[in-house]
Amino acid sequence: MAIARGETAGIGFDNIQEVYKPTTTGTPNVVEAPKDMVGWFQQHPYLQTDKLEQVTVGGVKGEQFDVVIEDLPEDYAGGCQHLVVPESCVDLFKRSTGESVSSRRETRCA
C-alpha cells in the first residue's frame, strides 16, 4: 500500500518476499528476503542507515530509519536505467506484484 503526496513525499507499506542481493556490478540477483529486514538494510554495502527509532503505526510497533546510498562502484548499473542519473539508485526488493523497488539518494525508509 502506498500513499503519495505530490511527487516528492509519501509513505508505503510492503510485505517483502524477495530482495536483490548486493553485487559489485548491479546485475540483478533475487534471493529470499531475510527474516531481519532492518539488519539487511544496515548490512547492505551500498546503504548507510542512521540510528533506529522505535515507532508505532496503527498500534503495531516497528523501527524507522533514514537510508542514504553511499560508495557505489563506478561501473554499477542496477535496474535504475530510466533515471537521469542511474548511478544514484540501488535496487532493493521486489513487491509481490513483481514490481522492483529501488532507493535513490537521500530517500527516507521506514
PDB file of N, CA and C in Angstrom:
ATOM      1  N   MET A   1       0.846  -1.163   0.000  1.00  0.00           N
ATOM      2  CA  MET A   1       0.000   0.000   0.000  1.00  0.00           C
ATOM      3  C   MET A   1       0.896   1.232   0.000  1.00  0.00           C
ATOM      4  N   ALA A   2       0.558   2.210  -0.786  1.00  0.00           N
ATOM      5  CA  ALA A   2       1.334   3.439  -0.841  1.00  0.00           C
ATOM      6  C   ALA A   2       0.410   4.643  -0.895  1.00  0.00           C
ATOM      7  N   ILE A   3       0.803   5.681  -0.185  1.00  0.00           N
ATOM      8  CA  ILE A   3       0.077   6.939  -0.192  1.00  0.00           C
ATOM      9  C   ILE A   3       1.078   8.008  -0.616  1.00  0.00           C
ATOM     10  N   ALA A   4       0.772   8.721  -1.682  1.00  0.00           N
ATOM     11  CA  ALA A   4       1.692   9.741  -2.188  1.00  0.00           C
ATOM     12  C   ALA A   4       1.174  11.131  -1.874  1.00  0.00           C
ATOM     13  N   ARG A   5       2.113  12.036  -1.704  1.00  0.00           N
ATOM     14  CA  ARG A   5       1.793  13.452  -1.529  1.00  0.00           C
ATOM     15  C   ARG A   5       2.595  14.198  -2.581  1.00  0.00           C
ATOM     16  N   GLY A   6       1.952  14.484  -3.674  1.00  0.00           N
ATOM     17  CA  GLY A   6       2.659  15.081  -4.798  1.00  0.00           C
ATOM     18  C   GLY A   6       3.647  14.084  -5.365  1.00  0.00           C
ATOM     19  N   GLU A   7       4.759  14.592  -5.876  1.00  0.00           N
ATOM     20  CA  GLU A   7       5.773  13.710  -6.436  1.00  0.00           C
ATOM     21  C   GLU A   7       7.007  13.602  -5.558  1.00  0.00           C
ATOM     22  N   THR A   8       6.995  14.247  -4.396  1.00  0.00           N
ATOM     23  CA  THR A   8       8.199  14.271  -3.576  1.00  0.00           C
ATOM     24  C   THR A   8       8.054  13.609  -2.219  1.00  0.00           C
ATOM     25  N   ALA A   9       6.857  13.235  -1.819  1.00  0.00           N
ATOM     26  CA  ALA A   9       6.689  12.659  -0.488  1.00  0.00           C
ATOM     27  C   ALA A   9       5.630  11.571  -0.513  1.00  0.00           C
ATOM     28  N   GLY A  10       5.729  10.670   0.448  1.00  0.00           N
ATOM     29  CA  GLY A  10       4.734   9.621   0.563  1.00  0.00           C
ATOM     30  C   GLY A  10       5.141   8.607   1.609  1.00  0.00           C
ATOM     31  N   ILE A  11       4.281   7.640   1.817  1.00  0.00           N
ATOM     32  CA  ILE A  11       4.535   6.552   2.759  1.00  0.00           C
ATOM     33  C   ILE A  11       4.018   5.274   2.115  1.00  0.00           C
ATOM     34  N   GLY A  12       4.729   4.195   2.346  1.00  0.00           N
ATOM     35  CA  GLY A  12       4.310   2.926   1.765  1.00  0.00           C
ATOM     36  C   GLY A  12       4.552   1.781   2.725  1.00  0.00           C
ATOM     37  N   PHE A  13       3.796   0.714   2.545  1.00  0.00           N
ATOM     38  CA  PHE A  13       3.921  -0.480   3.364  1.00  0.00           C
ATOM     39  C   PHE A  13       4.054  -1.670   2.425  1.00  0.00           C
ATOM     40  N   ASP A  14       5.076  -2.483   2.625  1.00  0.00           N
ATOM     41  CA  ASP A  14       5.320  -3.641   1.776  1.00  0.00           C
ATOM     42  C   ASP A  14       5.517  -4.880   2.630  1.00  0.00           C
ATOM     43  N   ASN A  15       5.061  -6.022   2.119  1.00  0.00           N
ATOM     44  CA  ASN A  15       5.350  -7.321   2.693  1.00  0.00           C
ATOM     45  C   ASN A  15       6.404  -7.933   1.773  1.00  0.00           C
ATOM     46  N   ILE A  16       7.659  -7.719   2.100  1.00  0.00           N
ATOM     47  CA  ILE A  16       8.767  -8.069   1.218  1.00  0.00           C
ATOM     48  C   ILE A  16       9.027  -9.569   1.263  1.00  0.00           C
ATOM     49  N   GLN A  17       9.007 -10.187   0.086  1.00  0.00           N
ATOM     50  CA  GLN A  17       9.247 -11.619  -0.039  1.00  0.00           C
ATOM     51  C   GLN A  17      10.612 -11.928  -0.656  1.00  0.00           C
ATOM     52  N   GLU A  18      11.104 -11.006  -1.520  1.00  0.00           N
ATOM     53  CA  GLU A  18      12.388 -11.202  -2.183  1.00  0.00           C
ATOM     54  C   GLU A  18      13.171  -9.895  -2.189  1.00  0.00           C
ATOM     55  N   VAL A  19      14.490 -10.011  -2.062  1.00  0.00           N
ATOM     56  CA  VAL A  19      15.368  -8.845  -2.119  1.00  0.00           C
ATOM     57  C   VAL A  19      16.413  -9.065  -3.197  1.00  0.00           C
ATOM     58  N   TYR A  20      17.035  -7.960  -3.616  1.00  0.00           N
ATOM     59  CA  TYR A  20      18.159  -8.047  -4.532  1.00  0.00           C
ATOM     60  C   TYR A  20      19.427  -8.163  -3.704  1.00  0.00           C
ATOM     61  N   LYS A  21      20.132  -9.270  -3.846  1.00  0.00           N
ATOM     62  CA  LYS A  21      21.395  -9.450  -3.150  1.00  0.00           C
ATOM     63  C   LYS A  21      22.390  -8.462  -3.742  1.00  0.00           C
ATOM     64  N   PRO A  22      23.082  -7.682  -2.914  1.00  0.00           N
ATOM     65  CA  PRO A  22      24.027  -6.699  -3.434  1.00  0.00           C
ATOM     66  C   PRO A  22      25.130  -7.361  -4.263  1.00  0.00           C
ATOM     67  N   THR A  23      25.443  -6.766  -5.402  1.00  0.00           N
ATOM     68  CA  THR A  23      26.551  -7.217  -6.238  1.00  0.00           C
ATOM     69  C   THR A  23      27.419  -6.008  -6.573  1.00  0.00           C
ATOM     70  N   THR A  24      28.621  -6.240  -7.038  1.00  0.00           N
ATOM     71  CA  THR A  24      29.502  -5.131  -7.391  1.00  0.00           C
ATOM     72  C   THR A  24      29.154  -4.534  -8.741  1.00  0.00           C
ATOM     73  N   THR A  25      28.391  -5.262  -9.557  1.00  0.00           N
ATOM     74  CA  THR A  25      28.050  -4.774 -10.895  1.00  0.00           C
ATOM     75  C   THR A  25      26.636  -4.233 -10.991  1.00  0.00           C
ATOM     76  N   GLY A  26      25.782  -4.577 -10.039  1.00  0.00           N
ATOM     77  CA  GLY A  26      24.384  -4.174 -10.096  1.00  0.00           C
ATOM     78  C   GLY A  26      23.531  -5.171 -10.857  1.00  0.00           C
ATOM     79  N   THR A  27      24.137  -6.268 -11.321  1.00  0.00           N
ATOM     80  CA  THR A  27      23.384  -7.300 -12.021  1.00  0.00           C
ATOM     81  C   THR A  27      22.347  -7.879 -11.064  1.00  0.00           C
ATOM     82  N   PRO A  28      21.060  -7.916 -11.460  1.00  0.00           N
ATOM     83  CA  PRO A  28      20.009  -8.406 -10.562  1.00  0.00           C
ATOM     84  C   PRO A  28      20.264  -9.839 -10.088  1.00  0.00           C
ATOM     85  N   ASN A  29      20.166 -10.044  -8.804  1.00  0.00           N
ATOM     86  CA  ASN A  29      20.324 -11.356  -8.182  1.00  0.00           C
ATOM     87  C   ASN A  29      19.284 -11.445  -7.075  1.00  0.00           C
ATOM     88  N   VAL A  30      18.106 -11.973  -7.392  1.00  0.00           N
ATOM     89  CA  VAL A  30      16.991 -12.017  -6.449  1.00  0.00           C
ATOM     90  C   VAL A  30      17.133 -13.225  -5.530  1.00  0.00           C
ATOM     91  N   VAL A  31      17.001 -12.986  -4.229  1.00  0.00           N
ATOM     92  CA  VAL A  31      17.046 -14.053  -3.229  1.00  0.00           C
ATOM     93  C   VAL A  31      15.872 -13.870  -2.261  1.00  0.00           C
ATOM     94  N   GLU A  32      15.584 -14.896  -1.496  1.00  0.00           N
ATOM     95  CA  GLU A  32      14.509 -14.822  -0.499  1.00  0.00           C
ATOM     96  C   GLU A  32      14.836 -13.752   0.535  1.00  0.00           C
ATOM     97  N   ALA A  33      13.827 -13.003   0.927  1.00  0.00           N
ATOM     98  CA  ALA A  33      14.026 -11.927   1.909  1.00  0.00           C
ATOM     99  C   ALA A  33      14.421 -12.522   3.261  1.00  0.00           C
ATOM    100  N   PRO A  34      15.366 -11.885   3.943  1.00  0.00           N
ATOM    101  CA  PRO A  34      15.743 -12.360   5.280  1.00  0.00           C
ATOM    102  C   PRO A  34      14.643 -12.053   6.288  1.00  0.00           C
ATOM    103  N   LYS A  35      14.652 -12.773   7.386  1.00  0.00           N
ATOM    104  CA  LYS A  35      13.678 -12.502   8.447  1.00  0.00           C
ATOM    105  C   LYS A  35      13.940 -11.130   9.078  1.00  0.00           C
ATOM    106  N   ASP A  36      15.197 -10.733   9.169  1.00  0.00           N
ATOM    107  CA  ASP A  36      15.582  -9.455   9.771  1.00  0.00           C
ATOM    108  C   ASP A  36      15.840  -8.427   8.674  1.00  0.00           C
ATOM    109  N   MET A  37      14.783  -7.762   8.196  1.00  0.00           N
ATOM    110  CA  MET A  37      14.940  -6.783   7.127  1.00  0.00           C
ATOM    111  C   MET A  37      15.708  -5.539   7.587  1.00  0.00           C
ATOM    112  N   VAL A  38      15.524  -5.143   8.835  1.00  0.00           N
ATOM    113  CA  VAL A  38      16.262  -3.984   9.346  1.00  0.00           C
ATOM    114  C   VAL A  38      17.759  -4.284   9.293  1.00  0.00           C
ATOM    115  N   GLY A  39      18.146  -5.463   9.740  1.00  0.00           N
ATOM    116  CA  GLY A  39      19.546  -5.873   9.684  1.00  0.00           C
ATOM    117  C   GLY A  39      20.062  -5.924   8.256  1.00  0.00           C
ATOM    118  N   TRP A  40      19.206  -6.353   7.324  1.00  0.00           N
ATOM    119  CA  TRP A  40      19.600  -6.408   5.909  1.00  0.00           C
ATOM    120  C   TRP A  40      19.938  -5.006   5.410  1.00  0.00           C
ATOM    121  N   PHE A  41      19.088  -4.020   5.724  1.00  0.00           N
ATOM    122  CA  PHE A  41      19.378  -2.639   5.341  1.00  0.00           C
ATOM    123  C   PHE A  41      20.676  -2.162   5.992  1.00  0.00           C
ATOM    124  N   GLN A  42      20.863  -2.467   7.277  1.00  0.00           N
ATOM    125  CA  GLN A  42      22.042  -1.998   7.997  1.00  0.00           C
ATOM    126  C   GLN A  42      23.329  -2.618   7.465  1.00  0.00           C
ATOM    127  N   GLN A  43      23.259  -3.857   6.963  1.00  0.00           N
ATOM    128  CA  GLN A  43      24.455  -4.550   6.472  1.00  0.00           C
ATOM    129  C   GLN A  43      24.688  -4.374   4.975  1.00  0.00           C
ATOM    130  N   HIS A  44      23.762  -3.726   4.276  1.00  0.00           N
ATOM    131  CA  HIS A  44      23.895  -3.542   2.826  1.00  0.00           C
ATOM    132  C   HIS A  44      25.140  -2.697   2.546  1.00  0.00           C
ATOM    133  N   PRO A  45      26.034  -3.155   1.655  1.00  0.00           N
ATOM    134  CA  PRO A  45      27.294  -2.439   1.448  1.00  0.00           C
ATOM    135  C   PRO A  45      27.159  -1.066   0.783  1.00  0.00           C
ATOM    136  N   TYR A  46      26.024  -0.775   0.140  1.00  0.00           N
ATOM    137  CA  TYR A  46      25.876   0.495  -0.561  1.00  0.00           C
ATOM    138  C   TYR A  46      24.887   1.435   0.111  1.00  0.00           C
ATOM    139  N   LEU A  47      24.436   1.077   1.312  1.00  0.00           N
ATOM    140  CA  LEU A  47      23.490   1.908   2.042  1.00  0.00           C
ATOM    141  C   LEU A  47      24.066   2.299   3.392  1.00  0.00           C
ATOM    142  N   GLN A  48      23.824   3.515   3.795  1.00  0.00           N
ATOM    143  CA  GLN A  48      24.200   3.988   5.126  1.00  0.00           C
ATOM    144  C   GLN A  48      22.904   4.299   5.863  1.00  0.00           C
ATOM    145  N   THR A  49      22.667   3.630   6.984  1.00  0.00           N
ATOM    146  CA  THR A  49      21.451   3.872   7.761  1.00  0.00           C
ATOM    147  C   THR A  49      21.806   4.676   9.013  1.00  0.00           C
ATOM    148  N   ASP A  50      20.839   5.467   9.471  1.00  0.00           N
ATOM    149  CA  ASP A  50      21.078   6.220  10.697  1.00  0.00           C
ATOM    150  C   ASP A  50      20.505   5.459  11.879  1.00  0.00           C
ATOM    151  N   LYS A  51      20.485   6.087  13.030  1.00  0.00           N
ATOM    152  CA  LYS A  51      20.009   5.471  14.271  1.00  0.00           C
ATOM    153  C   LYS A  51      18.547   5.045  14.145  1.00  0.00           C
ATOM    154  N   LEU A  52      18.255   3.845  14.636  1.00  0.00           N
ATOM    155  CA  LEU A  52      16.883   3.346  14.629  1.00  0.00           C
ATOM    156  C   LEU A  52      16.035   4.107  15.636  1.00  0.00           C
ATOM    157  N   GLU A  53      14.802   4.383  15.248  1.00  0.00           N
ATOM    158  CA  GLU A  53      13.833   4.990  16.151  1.00  0.00           C
ATOM    159  C   GLU A  53      12.674   4.015  16.312  1.00  0.00           C
ATOM    160  N   GLN A  54      12.251   3.783  17.529  1.00  0.00           N
ATOM    161  CA  GLN A  54      11.101   2.941  17.788  1.00  0.00           C
ATOM    162  C   GLN A  54       9.839   3.727  17.446  1.00  0.00           C
ATOM    163  N   VAL A  55       8.942   3.144  16.658  1.00  0.00           N
ATOM    164  CA  VAL A  55       7.710   3.809  16.251  1.00  0.00           C
ATOM    165  C   VAL A  55       6.534   2.854  16.406  1.00  0.00           C
ATOM    166  N   THR A  56       5.345   3.429  16.438  1.00  0.00           N
ATOM    167  CA  THR A  56       4.114   2.651  16.446  1.00  0.00           C
ATOM    168  C   THR A  56       3.197   3.231  15.381  1.00  0.00           C
ATOM    169  N   VAL A  57       2.725   2.386  14.476  1.00  0.00           N
ATOM    170  CA  VAL A  57       1.815   2.800  13.414  1.00  0.00           C
ATOM    171  C   VAL A  57       0.568   1.930  13.512  1.00  0.00           C
ATOM    172  N   GLY A  58      -0.548   2.554  13.786  1.00  0.00           N
ATOM    173  CA  GLY A  58      -1.795   1.795  13.907  1.00  0.00           C
ATOM    174  C   GLY A  58      -1.746   0.727  14.986  1.00  0.00           C
ATOM    175  N   GLY A  59      -0.999   0.978  16.060  1.00  0.00           N
ATOM    176  CA  GLY A  59      -0.892   0.032  17.159  1.00  0.00           C
ATOM    177  C   GLY A  59       0.170  -1.042  16.957  1.00  0.00           C
ATOM    178  N   VAL A  60       0.848  -1.048  15.811  1.00  0.00           N
ATOM    179  CA  VAL A  60       1.893  -2.039  15.529  1.00  0.00           C
ATOM    180  C   VAL A  60       3.260  -1.385  15.739  1.00  0.00           C
ATOM    181  N   LYS A  61       4.095  -2.017  16.575  1.00  0.00           N
ATOM    182  CA  LYS A  61       5.421  -1.484  16.855  1.00  0.00           C
ATOM    183  C   LYS A  61       6.382  -1.825  15.729  1.00  0.00           C
ATOM    184  N   GLY A  62       7.319  -0.922  15.486  1.00  0.00           N
ATOM    185  CA  GLY A  62       8.323  -1.141  14.455  1.00  0.00           C
ATOM    186  C   GLY A  62       9.510  -0.240  14.666  1.00  0.00           C
ATOM    187  N   GLU A  63      10.389  -0.207  13.668  1.00  0.00           N
ATOM    188  CA  GLU A  63      11.574   0.619  13.722  1.00  0.00           C
ATOM    189  C   GLU A  63      11.633   1.471  12.465  1.00  0.00           C
ATOM    190  N   GLN A  64      12.065   2.701  12.620  1.00  0.00           N
ATOM    191  CA  GLN A  64      12.172   3.628  11.497  1.00  0.00           C
ATOM    192  C   GLN A  64      13.600   4.122  11.420  1.00  0.00           C
ATOM    193  N   PHE A  65      14.078   4.337  10.198  1.00  0.00           N
ATOM    194  CA  PHE A  65      15.422   4.853   9.997  1.00  0.00           C
ATOM    195  C   PHE A  65      15.507   5.525   8.639  1.00  0.00           C
ATOM    196  N   ASP A  66      16.488   6.407   8.491  1.00  0.00           N
ATOM    197  CA  ASP A  66      16.782   7.023   7.200  1.00  0.00           C
ATOM    198  C   ASP A  66      17.870   6.198   6.540  1.00  0.00           C
ATOM    199  N   VAL A  67      17.867   6.194   5.216  1.00  0.00           N
ATOM    200  CA  VAL A  67      18.895   5.471   4.471  1.00  0.00           C
ATOM    201  C   VAL A  67      19.386   6.357   3.332  1.00  0.00           C
ATOM    202  N   VAL A  68      20.701   6.339   3.113  1.00  0.00           N
ATOM    203  CA  VAL A  68      21.335   7.114   2.054  1.00  0.00           C
ATOM    204  C   VAL A  68      22.244   6.160   1.279  1.00  0.00           C
ATOM    205  N   ILE A  69      22.272   6.304  -0.038  1.00  0.00           N
ATOM    206  CA  ILE A  69      23.160   5.494  -0.864  1.00  0.00           C
ATOM    207  C   ILE A  69      24.569   6.054  -0.758  1.00  0.00           C
ATOM    208  N   GLU A  70      25.539   5.139  -0.548  1.00  0.00           N
ATOM    209  CA  GLU A  70      26.939   5.540  -0.459  1.00  0.00           C
ATOM    210  C   GLU A  70      27.827   4.487  -1.106  1.00  0.00           C
ATOM    211  N   ASP A  71      28.952   4.923  -1.639  1.00  0.00           N
ATOM    212  CA  ASP A  71      30.027   4.051  -2.099  1.00  0.00           C
ATOM    213  C   ASP A  71      29.650   3.056  -3.191  1.00  0.00           C
ATOM    214  N   LEU A  72      28.829   3.490  -4.161  1.00  0.00           N
ATOM    215  CA  LEU A  72      28.542   2.609  -5.294  1.00  0.00           C
ATOM    216  C   LEU A  72      29.797   2.466  -6.153  1.00  0.00           C
ATOM    217  N   PRO A  73      30.078   1.256  -6.650  1.00  0.00           N
ATOM    218  CA  PRO A  73      31.209   1.103  -7.574  1.00  0.00           C
ATOM    219  C   PRO A  73      30.999   1.976  -8.813  1.00  0.00           C
ATOM    220  N   GLU A  74      32.088   2.422  -9.444  1.00  0.00           N
ATOM    221  CA  GLU A  74      31.994   3.321 -10.596  1.00  0.00           C
ATOM    222  C   GLU A  74      31.151   2.760 -11.730  1.00  0.00           C
ATOM    223  N   ASP A  75      31.254   1.461 -11.997  1.00  0.00           N
ATOM    224  CA  ASP A  75      30.538   0.870 -13.130  1.00  0.00           C
ATOM    225  C   ASP A  75      29.245   0.168 -12.709  1.00  0.00           C
ATOM    226  N   TYR A  76      28.717   0.514 -11.541  1.00  0.00           N
ATOM    227  CA  TYR A  76      27.487  -0.102 -11.043  1.00  0.00           C
ATOM    228  C   TYR A  76      26.325   0.264 -11.964  1.00  0.00           C
ATOM    229  N   ALA A  77      25.572  -0.728 -12.392  1.00  0.00           N
ATOM    230  CA  ALA A  77      24.437  -0.493 -13.298  1.00  0.00           C
ATOM    231  C   ALA A  77      23.262  -1.343 -12.850  1.00  0.00           C
ATOM    232  N   GLY A  78      22.512  -0.862 -11.887  1.00  0.00           N
ATOM    233  CA  GLY A  78      21.335  -1.583 -11.414  1.00  0.00           C
ATOM    234  C   GLY A  78      20.166  -1.393 -12.357  1.00  0.00           C
ATOM    235  N   GLY A  79      18.974  -1.652 -11.882  1.00  0.00           N
ATOM    236  CA  GLY A  79      17.776  -1.550 -12.704  1.00  0.00           C
ATOM    237  C   GLY A  79      17.186  -0.164 -12.759  1.00  0.00           C
ATOM    238  N   CYS A  80      17.983   0.840 -12.543  1.00  0.00           N
ATOM    239  CA  CYS A  80      17.500   2.218 -12.478  1.00  0.00           C
ATOM    240  C   CYS A  80      17.862   2.994 -13.729  1.00  0.00           C
ATOM    241  N   GLN A  81      18.003   2.325 -14.849  1.00  0.00           N
ATOM    242  CA  GLN A  81      18.465   2.973 -16.074  1.00  0.00           C
ATOM    243  C   GLN A  81      17.507   4.048 -16.574  1.00  0.00           C
ATOM    244  N   HIS A  82      16.244   4.020 -16.111  1.00  0.00           N
ATOM    245  CA  HIS A  82      15.265   5.016 -16.540  1.00  0.00           C
ATOM    246  C   HIS A  82      15.506   6.381 -15.903  1.00  0.00           C
ATOM    247  N   LEU A  83      16.355   6.449 -14.878  1.00  0.00           N
ATOM    248  CA  LEU A  83      16.627   7.716 -14.205  1.00  0.00           C
ATOM    249  C   LEU A  83      17.642   8.539 -14.982  1.00  0.00           C
ATOM    250  N   VAL A  84      17.595   9.853 -14.803  1.00  0.00           N
ATOM    251  CA  VAL A  84      18.568  10.738 -15.442  1.00  0.00           C
ATOM    252  C   VAL A  84      19.977  10.402 -14.966  1.00  0.00           C
ATOM    253  N   VAL A  85      20.119  10.093 -13.670  1.00  0.00           N
ATOM    254  CA  VAL A  85      21.413   9.716 -13.098  1.00  0.00           C
ATOM    255  C   VAL A  85      21.264   8.316 -12.502  1.00  0.00           C
ATOM    256  N   PRO A  86      21.369   7.252 -13.333  1.00  0.00           N
ATOM    257  CA  PRO A  86      21.097   5.900 -12.849  1.00  0.00           C
ATOM    258  C   PRO A  86      22.037   5.440 -11.745  1.00  0.00           C
ATOM    259  N   GLU A  87      23.254   5.995 -11.686  1.00  0.00           N
ATOM    260  CA  GLU A  87      24.194   5.559 -10.655  1.00  0.00           C
ATOM    261  C   GLU A  87      23.816   6.064  -9.269  1.00  0.00           C
ATOM    262  N   SER A  88      22.739   6.844  -9.150  1.00  0.00           N
ATOM    263  CA  SER A  88      22.291   7.334  -7.845  1.00  0.00           C
ATOM    264  C   SER A  88      21.173   6.458  -7.285  1.00  0.00           C
ATOM    265  N   CYS A  89      21.086   5.218  -7.737  1.00  0.00           N
ATOM    266  CA  CYS A  89      19.963   4.355  -7.379  1.00  0.00           C
ATOM    267  C   CYS A  89      20.443   2.922  -7.157  1.00  0.00           C
ATOM    268  N   VAL A  90      19.853   2.241  -6.169  1.00  0.00           N
ATOM    269  CA  VAL A  90      20.182   0.851  -5.860  1.00  0.00           C
ATOM    270  C   VAL A  90      18.886   0.047  -5.810  1.00  0.00           C
ATOM    271  N   ASP A  91      18.861  -1.101  -6.497  1.00  0.00           N
ATOM    272  CA  ASP A  91      17.706  -1.993  -6.420  1.00  0.00           C
ATOM    273  C   ASP A  91      17.666  -2.627  -5.036  1.00  0.00           C
ATOM    274  N   LEU A  92      16.480  -2.633  -4.411  1.00  0.00           N
ATOM    275  CA  LEU A  92      16.353  -3.161  -3.059  1.00  0.00           C
ATOM    276  C   LEU A  92      15.564  -4.459  -2.998  1.00  0.00           C
ATOM    277  N   PHE A  93      14.287  -4.421  -3.399  1.00  0.00           N
ATOM    278  CA  PHE A  93      13.455  -5.612  -3.270  1.00  0.00           C
ATOM    279  C   PHE A  93      12.372  -5.626  -4.320  1.00  0.00           C
ATOM    280  N   LYS A  94      11.688  -6.772  -4.402  1.00  0.00           N
ATOM    281  CA  LYS A  94      10.576  -6.921  -5.326  1.00  0.00           C
ATOM    282  C   LYS A  94       9.286  -7.032  -4.532  1.00  0.00           C
ATOM    283  N   ARG A  95       8.252  -6.370  -5.018  1.00  0.00           N
ATOM    284  CA  ARG A  95       6.930  -6.496  -4.409  1.00  0.00           C
ATOM    285  C   ARG A  95       6.289  -7.790  -4.896  1.00  0.00           C
ATOM    286  N   SER A  96       5.240  -8.226  -4.234  1.00  0.00           N
ATOM    287  CA  SER A  96       4.546  -9.454  -4.641  1.00  0.00           C
ATOM    288  C   SER A  96       3.956  -9.325  -6.040  1.00  0.00           C
ATOM    289  N   THR A  97       3.783  -8.092  -6.513  1.00  0.00           N
ATOM    290  CA  THR A  97       3.270  -7.849  -7.865  1.00  0.00           C
ATOM    291  C   THR A  97       4.356  -8.044  -8.917  1.00  0.00           C
ATOM    292  N   GLY A  98       5.608  -8.201  -8.485  1.00  0.00           N
ATOM    293  CA  GLY A  98       6.724  -8.330  -9.401  1.00  0.00           C
ATOM    294  C   GLY A  98       7.432  -7.018  -9.666  1.00  0.00           C
ATOM    295  N   GLU A  99       6.868  -5.922  -9.176  1.00  0.00           N
ATOM    296  CA  GLU A  99       7.459  -4.599  -9.383  1.00  0.00           C
ATOM    297  C   GLU A  99       8.720  -4.451  -8.530  1.00  0.00           C
ATOM    298  N   SER A 100       9.795  -3.950  -9.120  1.00  0.00           N
ATOM    299  CA  SER A 100      11.041  -3.709  -8.389  1.00  0.00           C
ATOM    300  C   SER A 100      10.949  -2.393  -7.637  1.00  0.00           C
ATOM    301  N   VAL A 101      11.559  -2.365  -6.454  1.00  0.00           N
ATOM    302  CA  VAL A 101      11.613  -1.148  -5.652  1.00  0.00           C
ATOM    303  C   VAL A 101      13.076  -0.778  -5.492  1.00  0.00           C
ATOM    304  N   SER A 102      13.383   0.477  -5.759  1.00  0.00           N
ATOM    305  CA  SER A 102      14.748   0.969  -5.685  1.00  0.00           C
ATOM    306  C   SER A 102      14.804   2.116  -4.698  1.00  0.00           C
ATOM    307  N   SER A 103      16.008   2.423  -4.261  1.00  0.00           N
ATOM    308  CA  SER A 103      16.216   3.561  -3.383  1.00  0.00           C
ATOM    309  C   SER A 103      17.121   4.546  -4.088  1.00  0.00           C
ATOM    310  N   ARG A 104      16.734   5.814  -4.036  1.00  0.00           N
ATOM    311  CA  ARG A 104      17.569   6.875  -4.591  1.00  0.00           C
ATOM    312  C   ARG A 104      18.242   7.605  -3.466  1.00  0.00           C
ATOM    313  N   ARG A 105      19.214   8.409  -3.797  1.00  0.00           N
ATOM    314  CA  ARG A 105      19.967   9.147  -2.767  1.00  0.00           C
ATOM    315  C   ARG A 105      19.015   9.927  -1.856  1.00  0.00           C
ATOM    316  N   GLU A 106      19.315   9.871  -0.562  1.00  0.00           N
ATOM    317  CA  GLU A 106      18.584  10.613   0.464  1.00  0.00           C
ATOM    318  C   GLU A 106      17.102  10.274   0.507  1.00  0.00           C
ATOM    319  N   THR A 107      16.785   9.023   0.356  1.00  0.00           N
ATOM    320  CA  THR A 107      15.406   8.546   0.460  1.00  0.00           C
ATOM    321  C   THR A 107      15.121   8.097   1.885  1.00  0.00           C
ATOM    322  N   ARG A 108      13.960   8.449   2.395  1.00  0.00           N
ATOM    323  CA  ARG A 108      13.573   8.018   3.741  1.00  0.00           C
ATOM    324  C   ARG A 108      12.928   6.648   3.664  1.00  0.00           C
ATOM    325  N   CYS A 109      13.300   5.764   4.547  1.00  0.00           N
ATOM    326  CA  CYS A 109      12.692   4.430   4.624  1.00  0.00           C
ATOM    327  C   CYS A 109      12.166   4.201   6.021  1.00  0.00           C
ATOM    328  N   ALA A 110      11.133   3.395   6.126  1.00  0.00           N
ATOM    329  CA  ALA A 110      10.609   3.037   7.439  1.00  0.00           C
ATOM    330  C   ALA A 110      10.315   1.559   7.460  1.00  0.00           C
TER     331      ALA A 110
END
